[in-house]
Every structure is written in structure tokens, then in C-alpha cells.
């Protein structure tokens, strides 16, 4: 449970940083860090399906926010912070790869699940559901409402991204579309 408390403290600190920082892009990255930590917290609480859904929605929201932010605020390209940004990126990727390697080492052997529910699905799945594909039987029989909720969340997130990213209005025949960055 210690790792859960560390994640909660990290989320609180990142949320405060997101609210207090002056740089808009850094604020968006801090909000993304809160969502990533929440996804990891779901993994710690043994809810991988919710963690995956949270991660997908968080990434889509981050894409929307970064697209909206880059038009307003580009401090790293004008202030010479590219070295600091590159260093932070390399540190983050290195840390991510180290944590991923540790997580892969902690996975149980294939066919020997650590959770009681998973072993029940494997042992009794075919008899109770009649489905030859155990993954499909878990998703569609045992956890159908959960899967429906996740699909609804993902569909809503994708529709939100499409609504934000698409161009406003329709182009008439022969009309040249002007980009928002082009001078008039």
C-alpha cells in the first residue's frame, strides 16, 4: 500500500503544479502526469481494465490540450530551453524503461495466474460459457457491463478528439482553405 500513498502524493503535487505554474504547456504536462499516476494507481489496485481505459482517455485528452496549447504558447522554442527539454525527455524515457523492465520481471509465469478470479476463469470458463475463446468469454459473459462502459468511455473520447481536431465549417467548391496560422 506504500506505493499507493506515494502515487496519491505525486498526484496531489502534480495537480498543484498544474494550477500554479505560469507556463501553459508545462501545466498541460502536469495534468497528464496526474492522469498517468491515476492509471498506475488503478494497476496497483488490481484493476487493469480501468487502468487501460484511463490511459487511453488521458492520452486523447493530452493530445487535445497540447494541440490547443501549442497555438497559444511556445516558450521552449523561443527561450532556448531545448537542452533542458531534451534532458527531461531522456530522463523520463530511461525511468520508464527501468520501471517497465521491473514490471515484466514481476509478472507471473504464463498459465499460473496470481489472482483467484483469473484461475476460476481459466478452469471453469469453457464449461460455464461454452465459448472456446476464453478472452471473449471473459469480456462478453463475465464482464459484459464493464466492457460496455469502457467502450462507451472510449467512444466518447474519440468523438471528443474528432470534434476538437476537425476544421470548423465545410469547404465550398473552388474555395481555398486557409490555415489558422497563415496571415490574412
Foldseek 3Di string as FASTA:
>chain_A
DVLLVVLVVLLVVLQVCLVPPPAPLSSLVSPLSNLLSVLVSCVVVVNNVVSVLSNLLSVLVSVLSVVVRVVPGDCCVPVVCPVVVVVVVVVVVVVVVVVVVVVVVPADDPPDDPDPVVVCLVPCVCVVQVDPDSVCSCCCPVPPVVNVVSVVSNVVSVVVSCVRPDDPDDDDPPDDDDDPPDDD
